[in-house]
Amino acid sequence: MSSTVSKRRLTSTLRHFLDNEASGGLVLMAVAVLAIIVANSPLAEDYFHGLHVYIGPLSLLHWINDALMAVFFLLVGLEIKREMLDGQLSTWSRRILPGAAALGGMVAPALIYVLLNWSNPAAVRGWAIPTATDIAFALGVISLLGKRVPTSLKIFLAALAIIDDLGAVIVIALFYTANLNLLALAGAAVVIAALTLINRIGVKTVWPYLLLGAILWVCVFASGIHATLAGVMLALTIPLKTSPGAPEASHAESPLHKLEHALHKPVAFVIVPIFGFANAGVSFAGLSLDLFTEPLTMGVALGLVLGKLIGVLGTVAVLVKLGYAHLPVQASWGQMVGTAFLCGIGFTMSLFIGLLAFDDPQVQDHIKIGILLGSVLSGLLGTICLLSSDRRLRAPPIPVP
C-alpha cells in the first residue's frame, strides 16, 4: 500500500514539475551548467568529438541545430500565430507596449555591440546575437518569484518575448542566409502553396501538414535559407479555426492548439535541453582573463545586460510619458526595471544566431562566454530588482472602458 502511495506521490510531483512554466527554464539552466562541466572535464574530447560524428549526410551537431531546432521553431511559429490571432497580441492596443519594447530591446543591444566592434568588420556580423530574449529562461525566472510579480507583468514579458522571437526569425531569414539555390527555393514555394491549399479546403488532420512540413524542411535546407525557418513557415499554415467563419477564441480543439500542446513538453524538456547541452559547452583551457574584456565578448555581454535594459525600459518610459500606453496593471517602475533586465537572458536564440554568424570555433567560444556572462548577469540583476521593488510604487489599476 505504501509503495502505491509513494508511486502516486512521485507521479504527482513529476506532473506538477512538467506543468510548471518555470521548469523548462530550470532544466535548461541545468544542462547549460552540465555542458560547461563536461567541456572542462576528462570527458571533453569525447564530448566535442561526439558532436561531429556523422550520421548519414549530417553531423550530430547539424542534426540537432538544423533538424531538431526546426521543431523548436515550429512551436515558436505556432505561439506567434496563436497570440497574434487569438491571444494577448490579437489587437493593436495590446501589441503597442510589448511590440515597441521588443523593437527597442533589439535595436539598443545591436547598437552597443556594433559600437564596441566597429573597428573589426568581420566581428560586426554578429550584431544580432545580443538582440534575442530566451523566453524559457526569462519566464522561468519570473515564474519562480511567484506572487511577488503581478500577472500582468508576466503577460507583458511573454508577449515581448514572442514578438522578439518573431524579430529573430526575420533577422535570420534576411541577414544569415547563404547563397540561394533557386530550384530548391521554388520547390519550397510549391510545398507552401500545397500547405496553404489544404488549409483553405478545410483539412483539420495534423499529419498531412507534418508530412508536407518534412518535405518543406528538405527543400529549405537545400535552398540556402536556414532549415529551421521551415518550422515557422509550416506553423503559419496550421489551421487555428475548427470550422470556416467560426470565431478563433472558441477553438481550443483546433489543429494549431492540439499541435502546440503536443509539442510543448517535448520541446521544453527534450529538444531545447539537447540544443543547450550540445552548444553551451565551452572549454576554458588556455583562455585568459583578457577574453572577458575583448570587444567581441563585451559586445555580446553588454548588449544583453545594458542594451536590453536601455532598449526595453527606455521604450516603455517614452510611451508611458507620452500617454500612448500604461504600465502593466499593478506593476511598479522598479518591477519594470527588473523585467527589462530579464529580457537580457538571451541563451537559446543568441547561441543559435551566434552559430550562424561565425564558423570559427574559437570565435564561437568567445561568443558563448559573452552570452553566458550577459545572461547570468541579466538574470541576477532582474531577480534582485524584482525582489527589492517597493510595492507602494506600483501603478494603480487602469480602468477598462
Protein backbone atom coordinates (compact mmCIF):
# COMPACT_ATOMS: atom_id res chain seq x y z
CA MET A 1 0.00 0.00 0.00
CA SER A 2 2.78 2.42 0.96
CA SER A 3 4.55 1.57 -2.31
CA THR A 4 1.42 2.54 -4.29
CA VAL A 5 1.08 5.81 -2.37
CA SER A 6 4.76 6.61 -2.97
CA LYS A 7 4.36 5.97 -6.70
CA ARG A 8 1.31 8.23 -6.82
CA ARG A 9 3.16 10.98 -4.99
CA LEU A 10 6.13 10.63 -7.35
CA THR A 11 3.82 10.75 -10.38
CA SER A 12 2.01 13.79 -8.96
CA THR A 13 5.30 15.56 -8.25
CA LEU A 14 6.62 14.81 -11.74
CA ARG A 15 3.37 16.01 -13.35
CA HIS A 16 3.48 19.22 -11.30
CA PHE A 17 7.09 19.80 -12.36
CA LEU A 18 6.33 19.25 -16.05
CA ASP A 19 3.28 21.54 -15.89
CA ASN A 20 5.15 24.33 -14.10
CA GLU A 21 6.12 27.05 -16.61
CA ALA A 22 9.39 27.62 -14.72
CA SER A 23 10.53 24.01 -15.13
CA GLY A 24 11.71 24.33 -18.72
CA GLY A 25 13.98 27.20 -17.74
CA LEU A 26 15.35 25.23 -14.78
CA VAL A 27 16.16 22.21 -16.97
CA LEU A 28 17.86 24.49 -19.49
CA MET A 29 19.95 26.08 -16.75
CA ALA A 30 20.98 22.65 -15.50
CA VAL A 31 22.06 21.30 -18.90
CA ALA A 32 23.98 24.50 -19.68
CA VAL A 33 25.97 24.09 -16.45
CA LEU A 34 26.44 20.37 -17.19
CA ALA A 35 27.73 21.15 -20.71
CA ILE A 36 30.35 23.56 -19.31
CA ILE A 37 31.43 21.00 -16.68
CA VAL A 38 31.76 18.23 -19.28
CA ALA A 39 33.64 20.52 -21.69
CA ASN A 40 36.22 21.16 -18.97
CA SER A 41 36.50 17.60 -17.68
CA PRO A 42 38.35 14.46 -18.85
CA LEU A 43 35.25 13.77 -20.98
CA ALA A 44 35.83 16.93 -23.06
CA GLU A 45 37.47 15.14 -26.00
CA ASP A 46 34.62 12.63 -26.26
CA TYR A 47 32.07 15.44 -25.90
CA PHE A 48 33.45 17.55 -28.77
CA HIS A 49 34.30 14.56 -30.96
CA GLY A 50 30.86 13.02 -30.50
CA LEU A 51 29.12 16.16 -31.71
CA HIS A 52 30.99 15.95 -35.02
CA VAL A 53 30.30 12.28 -35.73
CA TYR A 54 28.38 11.97 -38.99
CA ILE A 55 25.01 10.25 -39.04
CA GLY A 56 24.08 9.97 -42.69
CA PRO A 57 24.63 13.26 -44.57
CA LEU A 58 24.98 15.44 -41.45
CA SER A 59 26.99 15.51 -38.25
CA LEU A 60 25.20 15.00 -34.93
CA LEU A 61 25.58 18.73 -34.19
CA HIS A 62 23.98 19.63 -37.53
CA TRP A 63 21.08 17.22 -36.92
CA ILE A 64 20.50 18.97 -33.59
CA ASN A 65 20.86 22.54 -34.87
CA ASP A 66 19.17 22.12 -38.25
CA ALA A 67 16.56 19.39 -37.72
CA LEU A 68 15.65 19.23 -34.02
CA MET A 69 15.62 23.01 -33.78
CA ALA A 70 13.20 23.15 -36.72
CA VAL A 71 10.67 21.61 -34.31
CA PHE A 72 11.52 24.35 -31.78
CA PHE A 73 10.87 26.97 -34.46
CA LEU A 74 7.63 25.20 -35.38
CA LEU A 75 6.46 25.70 -31.79
CA VAL A 76 7.65 29.33 -31.87
CA GLY A 77 5.67 29.89 -35.05
CA LEU A 78 2.54 28.29 -33.58
CA GLU A 79 2.79 30.52 -30.49
CA ILE A 80 3.27 33.63 -32.61
CA LYS A 81 0.27 32.82 -34.82
CA ARG A 82 -1.98 31.97 -31.86
CA GLU A 83 -1.06 35.09 -29.91
CA MET A 84 -1.48 37.33 -32.96
CA LEU A 85 -4.90 35.93 -33.91
CA ASP A 86 -6.37 34.66 -30.66
CA GLY A 87 -4.31 35.85 -27.69
CA GLN A 88 -2.53 38.68 -25.92
CA LEU A 89 -1.41 40.22 -29.24
CA SER A 90 -4.74 39.96 -31.05
CA THR A 91 -5.41 43.72 -31.08
CA TRP A 92 -3.19 46.70 -31.82
CA SER A 93 -3.81 48.17 -28.37
CA ARG A 94 -2.34 45.01 -26.84
CA ARG A 95 0.61 44.96 -29.25
CA ILE A 96 1.79 48.54 -28.78
CA LEU A 97 3.68 48.28 -25.48
CA PRO A 98 5.31 44.82 -25.82
CA GLY A 99 5.84 45.33 -29.55
CA ALA A 100 7.60 48.68 -29.20
CA ALA A 101 9.57 47.39 -26.19
CA ALA A 102 10.67 44.32 -28.16
CA LEU A 103 11.83 46.55 -31.03
CA GLY A 104 13.72 48.86 -28.67
CA GLY A 105 15.15 45.77 -26.97
CA MET A 106 16.58 44.62 -30.31
CA VAL A 107 17.92 47.94 -31.58
CA ALA A 108 19.81 49.06 -28.45
CA PRO A 109 21.78 45.80 -27.93
CA ALA A 110 22.70 45.73 -31.62
CA LEU A 111 24.00 49.33 -31.43
CA ILE A 112 26.10 48.60 -28.33
CA TYR A 113 27.60 45.52 -29.98
CA VAL A 114 28.38 47.37 -33.23
CA LEU A 115 29.92 50.35 -31.39
CA LEU A 116 32.26 48.06 -29.47
CA ASN A 117 33.24 46.08 -32.59
CA TRP A 118 33.21 48.83 -35.20
CA SER A 119 36.97 48.54 -35.86
CA ASN A 120 36.57 44.84 -36.78
CA PRO A 121 34.27 44.43 -39.80
CA ALA A 122 34.30 40.63 -39.50
CA ALA A 123 33.05 40.81 -35.91
CA VAL A 124 30.22 43.22 -36.82
CA ARG A 125 28.48 40.27 -38.50
CA GLY A 126 27.44 39.14 -35.02
CA TRP A 127 25.36 42.29 -34.33
CA ALA A 128 22.14 40.29 -33.90
CA ILE A 129 23.47 37.95 -31.20
CA PRO A 130 22.53 40.13 -28.17
CA THR A 131 19.14 41.12 -29.64
CA ALA A 132 17.41 37.88 -28.63
CA THR A 133 15.48 37.05 -25.46
CA ASP A 134 15.22 33.45 -24.27
CA ILE A 135 11.53 33.01 -23.46
CA ALA A 136 12.04 29.78 -21.46
CA PHE A 137 14.76 31.25 -19.25
CA ALA A 138 13.11 34.65 -18.74
CA LEU A 139 9.66 33.27 -17.94
CA GLY A 140 11.25 30.57 -15.80
CA VAL A 141 12.97 33.15 -13.62
CA ILE A 142 9.95 35.41 -13.29
CA SER A 143 7.69 32.44 -12.52
CA LEU A 144 9.97 31.34 -9.68
CA LEU A 145 9.25 34.68 -7.99
CA GLY A 146 5.57 33.73 -7.72
CA LYS A 147 3.14 36.34 -6.39
CA ARG A 148 5.93 38.90 -5.90
CA VAL A 149 5.40 39.74 -9.58
CA PRO A 150 1.93 40.76 -10.87
CA THR A 151 0.38 38.52 -13.51
CA SER A 152 0.14 41.48 -15.92
CA LEU A 153 3.94 41.79 -15.91
CA LYS A 154 4.36 38.09 -16.71
CA ILE A 155 1.94 38.51 -19.62
CA PHE A 156 3.89 41.57 -20.80
CA LEU A 157 7.18 39.63 -20.70
CA ALA A 158 5.67 36.65 -22.55
CA ALA A 159 4.23 38.91 -25.26
CA LEU A 160 7.52 40.79 -25.61
CA ALA A 161 9.49 37.54 -25.87
CA ILE A 162 7.14 36.17 -28.54
CA ILE A 163 7.47 39.35 -30.63
CA ASP A 164 11.22 39.21 -30.03
CA ASP A 165 11.22 35.64 -31.39
CA LEU A 166 9.39 36.89 -34.49
CA GLY A 167 12.06 39.57 -34.90
CA ALA A 168 14.80 36.94 -34.55
CA VAL A 169 13.17 34.79 -37.24
CA ILE A 170 13.06 37.77 -39.61
CA VAL A 171 16.69 38.66 -38.84
CA ILE A 172 17.85 35.08 -39.51
CA ALA A 173 15.94 34.98 -42.81
CA LEU A 174 17.24 38.34 -44.03
CA PHE A 175 20.80 38.50 -42.71
CA TYR A 176 22.03 34.95 -42.12
CA THR A 177 21.08 33.25 -45.36
CA ALA A 178 23.73 31.65 -47.57
CA ASN A 179 23.76 31.64 -51.38
CA LEU A 180 20.32 30.70 -52.62
CA ASN A 181 19.54 27.59 -54.65
CA LEU A 182 16.65 28.85 -56.75
CA LEU A 183 15.45 25.37 -57.76
CA ALA A 184 15.17 24.25 -54.12
CA LEU A 185 13.57 27.57 -53.24
CA ALA A 186 10.98 27.01 -55.96
CA GLY A 187 10.32 23.55 -54.51
CA ALA A 188 9.77 25.12 -51.09
CA ALA A 189 7.32 27.59 -52.63
CA VAL A 190 5.35 24.71 -54.20
CA VAL A 191 5.15 22.91 -50.83
CA ILE A 192 4.00 26.11 -49.08
CA ALA A 193 1.32 26.52 -51.76
CA ALA A 194 0.19 22.93 -51.11
CA LEU A 195 0.08 23.59 -47.34
CA THR A 196 -1.97 26.74 -47.93
CA LEU A 197 -4.33 24.82 -50.21
CA ILE A 198 -5.10 22.06 -47.72
CA ASN A 199 -5.64 24.74 -45.08
CA ARG A 200 -8.13 26.56 -47.34
CA ILE A 201 -10.07 23.41 -48.24
CA GLY A 202 -10.53 22.65 -44.54
CA VAL A 203 -8.16 19.77 -43.77
CA LYS A 204 -8.11 19.56 -39.96
CA THR A 205 -5.97 16.42 -39.51
CA VAL A 206 -2.44 17.35 -38.49
CA TRP A 207 -0.45 14.57 -40.18
CA PRO A 208 -0.77 15.89 -43.79
CA TYR A 209 0.72 19.19 -42.62
CA LEU A 210 3.58 17.41 -40.86
CA LEU A 211 4.27 15.21 -43.89
CA LEU A 212 4.43 18.22 -46.21
CA GLY A 213 6.42 20.03 -43.49
CA ALA A 214 9.13 17.35 -43.65
CA ILE A 215 9.36 17.84 -47.44
CA LEU A 216 9.46 21.61 -46.87
CA TRP A 217 12.39 21.18 -44.45
CA VAL A 218 14.37 19.29 -47.12
CA CYS A 219 13.68 22.00 -49.72
CA VAL A 220 14.55 24.86 -47.36
CA PHE A 221 17.72 23.04 -46.22
CA ALA A 222 18.82 22.69 -49.85
CA SER A 223 17.83 26.28 -50.72
CA GLY A 224 20.46 28.04 -48.59
CA ILE A 225 17.92 29.54 -46.17
CA HIS A 226 18.47 28.11 -42.70
CA ALA A 227 16.43 24.91 -42.47
CA THR A 228 14.89 25.77 -39.10
CA LEU A 229 12.81 28.50 -40.75
CA ALA A 230 10.81 25.71 -42.39
CA GLY A 231 9.28 25.19 -38.95
CA VAL A 232 7.96 28.76 -38.86
CA MET A 233 6.66 28.53 -42.44
CA LEU A 234 4.83 25.32 -41.58
CA ALA A 235 3.35 26.82 -38.39
CA LEU A 236 1.75 29.67 -40.30
CA THR A 237 -0.28 27.20 -42.39
CA ILE A 238 -1.66 25.15 -39.46
CA PRO A 239 -5.39 25.99 -39.02
CA LEU A 240 -6.40 27.91 -35.91
CA LYS A 241 -10.14 27.54 -36.58
CA THR A 242 -12.12 24.31 -36.32
CA SER A 243 -14.61 25.47 -38.94
CA PRO A 244 -14.69 28.26 -41.54
CA GLY A 245 -16.09 31.53 -40.25
CA ALA A 246 -16.09 30.44 -36.62
CA PRO A 247 -14.52 32.80 -34.02
CA GLU A 248 -10.92 31.94 -33.11
CA ALA A 249 -11.47 32.28 -29.36
CA SER A 250 -13.75 29.23 -29.21
CA HIS A 251 -11.32 26.75 -30.76
CA ALA A 252 -9.23 25.14 -28.05
CA GLU A 253 -9.55 21.90 -30.03
CA SER A 254 -8.19 23.35 -33.28
CA PRO A 255 -5.24 21.68 -35.08
CA LEU A 256 -2.96 24.55 -34.04
CA HIS A 257 -3.85 24.29 -30.35
CA LYS A 258 -3.55 20.49 -30.38
CA LEU A 259 -0.16 20.53 -32.08
CA GLU A 260 1.13 23.31 -29.84
CA HIS A 261 0.03 21.38 -26.76
CA ALA A 262 1.61 18.17 -28.07
CA LEU A 263 4.94 19.88 -28.80
CA HIS A 264 5.26 21.98 -25.65
CA LYS A 265 6.75 19.40 -23.28
CA PRO A 266 8.99 17.61 -25.85
CA VAL A 267 10.43 20.95 -26.93
CA ALA A 268 10.85 22.33 -23.40
CA PHE A 269 12.23 19.17 -21.82
CA VAL A 270 13.96 17.36 -24.68
CA ILE A 271 14.77 19.46 -27.76
CA VAL A 272 15.89 22.73 -26.17
CA PRO A 273 17.93 20.97 -23.44
CA ILE A 274 19.66 18.83 -26.11
CA PHE A 275 20.45 22.01 -28.06
CA GLY A 276 21.71 23.69 -24.89
CA PHE A 277 23.90 20.74 -23.94
CA ALA A 278 25.34 20.46 -27.46
CA ASN A 279 26.11 24.17 -27.83
CA ALA A 280 26.75 25.64 -24.37
CA GLY A 281 29.88 23.60 -23.76
CA VAL A 282 32.94 25.84 -23.92
CA SER A 283 36.41 24.86 -22.79
CA PHE A 284 38.25 27.38 -20.62
CA ALA A 285 41.60 25.71 -21.29
CA GLY A 286 44.10 28.30 -22.49
CA LEU A 287 41.67 31.19 -22.05
CA SER A 288 42.90 34.29 -20.22
CA LEU A 289 41.03 36.96 -18.28
CA ASP A 290 41.67 39.30 -21.22
CA LEU A 291 38.95 37.38 -23.06
CA PHE A 292 36.31 38.96 -20.84
CA THR A 293 37.37 42.47 -21.89
CA GLU A 294 37.78 41.93 -25.61
CA PRO A 295 35.24 43.75 -27.84
CA LEU A 296 33.57 40.58 -29.16
CA THR A 297 32.80 39.15 -25.72
CA MET A 298 31.96 42.51 -24.17
CA GLY A 299 29.77 43.46 -27.11
CA VAL A 300 27.58 40.42 -26.54
CA ALA A 301 27.56 40.66 -22.73
CA LEU A 302 26.94 44.41 -22.51
CA GLY A 303 24.45 44.21 -25.36
CA LEU A 304 22.38 41.73 -23.35
CA VAL A 305 22.73 43.42 -19.94
CA LEU A 306 22.71 47.14 -20.76
CA GLY A 307 21.26 47.06 -24.26
CA LYS A 308 18.09 45.21 -23.25
CA LEU A 309 17.68 47.42 -20.17
CA ILE A 310 18.07 50.64 -22.16
CA GLY A 311 16.00 49.46 -25.12
CA VAL A 312 13.08 47.88 -23.26
CA LEU A 313 12.85 50.25 -20.28
CA GLY A 314 13.57 53.35 -22.39
CA THR A 315 10.86 52.49 -24.91
CA VAL A 316 8.30 51.78 -22.17
CA ALA A 317 9.19 55.03 -20.37
CA VAL A 318 8.76 57.10 -23.54
CA LEU A 319 5.39 55.52 -24.43
CA VAL A 320 4.04 55.93 -20.90
CA LYS A 321 5.34 59.50 -20.62
CA LEU A 322 3.71 60.47 -23.93
CA GLY A 323 0.45 58.80 -22.92
CA TYR A 324 0.43 56.17 -25.67
CA ALA A 325 0.49 53.29 -23.16
CA HIS A 326 0.27 52.46 -19.45
CA LEU A 327 2.44 50.30 -17.25
CA PRO A 328 1.06 46.77 -16.83
CA VAL A 329 -1.63 46.76 -14.13
CA GLN A 330 -0.29 46.67 -10.55
CA ALA A 331 3.34 46.86 -11.78
CA SER A 332 5.85 49.37 -10.42
CA TRP A 333 8.72 51.05 -12.24
CA GLY A 334 11.13 49.02 -10.12
CA GLN A 335 9.49 45.83 -11.34
CA MET A 336 9.67 47.10 -14.90
CA VAL A 337 13.42 47.61 -14.46
CA GLY A 338 13.71 44.01 -13.26
CA THR A 339 11.67 42.75 -16.20
CA ALA A 340 13.84 44.72 -18.64
CA PHE A 341 16.92 43.06 -17.15
CA LEU A 342 15.32 39.61 -17.57
CA CYS A 343 14.94 40.36 -21.28
CA GLY A 344 18.74 40.21 -21.39
CA ILE A 345 18.67 36.45 -20.83
CA GLY A 346 19.35 35.50 -24.43
CA PHE A 347 20.59 31.94 -24.15
CA THR A 348 18.90 29.71 -26.77
CA MET A 349 18.26 32.14 -29.62
CA SER A 350 21.51 34.08 -29.01
CA LEU A 351 23.52 30.86 -29.22
CA PHE A 352 21.66 29.92 -32.37
CA ILE A 353 22.37 33.25 -34.09
CA GLY A 354 25.99 33.13 -32.90
CA LEU A 355 26.48 29.78 -34.62
CA LEU A 356 25.03 31.22 -37.84
CA ALA A 357 27.18 34.35 -37.66
CA PHE A 358 30.56 32.71 -37.12
CA ASP A 359 32.10 29.43 -38.33
CA ASP A 360 35.37 29.73 -36.39
CA PRO A 361 35.15 27.51 -33.25
CA GLN A 362 37.41 29.90 -31.30
CA VAL A 363 35.20 32.87 -32.12
CA GLN A 364 32.14 30.80 -31.24
CA ASP A 365 33.68 30.09 -27.81
CA HIS A 366 34.15 33.82 -27.22
CA ILE A 367 30.54 34.42 -28.24
CA LYS A 368 29.31 31.66 -25.90
CA ILE A 369 31.20 33.18 -22.98
CA GLY A 370 29.67 36.58 -23.74
CA ILE A 371 26.19 35.04 -23.91
CA LEU A 372 26.65 33.11 -20.67
CA LEU A 373 28.11 36.14 -18.87
CA GLY A 374 25.41 38.51 -20.12
CA SER A 375 22.56 36.07 -19.46
CA VAL A 376 23.70 35.24 -15.92
CA LEU A 377 24.17 38.92 -15.02
CA SER A 378 20.82 39.85 -16.55
CA GLY A 379 19.06 37.08 -14.63
CA LEU A 380 20.69 38.02 -11.31
CA LEU A 381 20.07 41.76 -11.69
CA GLY A 382 16.49 41.18 -12.82
CA THR A 383 15.78 38.91 -9.87
CA ILE A 384 17.31 41.38 -7.40
CA CYS A 385 15.26 44.28 -8.80
CA LEU A 386 12.01 42.29 -8.75
CA LEU A 387 12.60 41.07 -5.20
CA SER A 388 13.50 44.52 -3.88
CA SER A 389 10.86 46.55 -5.72
CA ASP A 390 8.74 48.65 -3.39
CA ARG A 391 5.13 47.54 -3.74
CA ARG A 392 3.96 51.01 -2.73
CA LEU A 393 5.25 52.31 -6.06
CA ARG A 394 3.02 50.07 -8.12
CA ALA A 395 0.94 51.72 -10.80
CA PRO A 396 -2.79 51.82 -9.97
CA PRO A 397 -5.15 49.64 -12.00
CA ILE A 398 -6.17 51.19 -15.31
CA PRO A 399 -9.99 51.36 -15.70
CA VAL A 400 -11.22 49.19 -18.53
CA PRO A 401 -13.68 51.12 -20.71
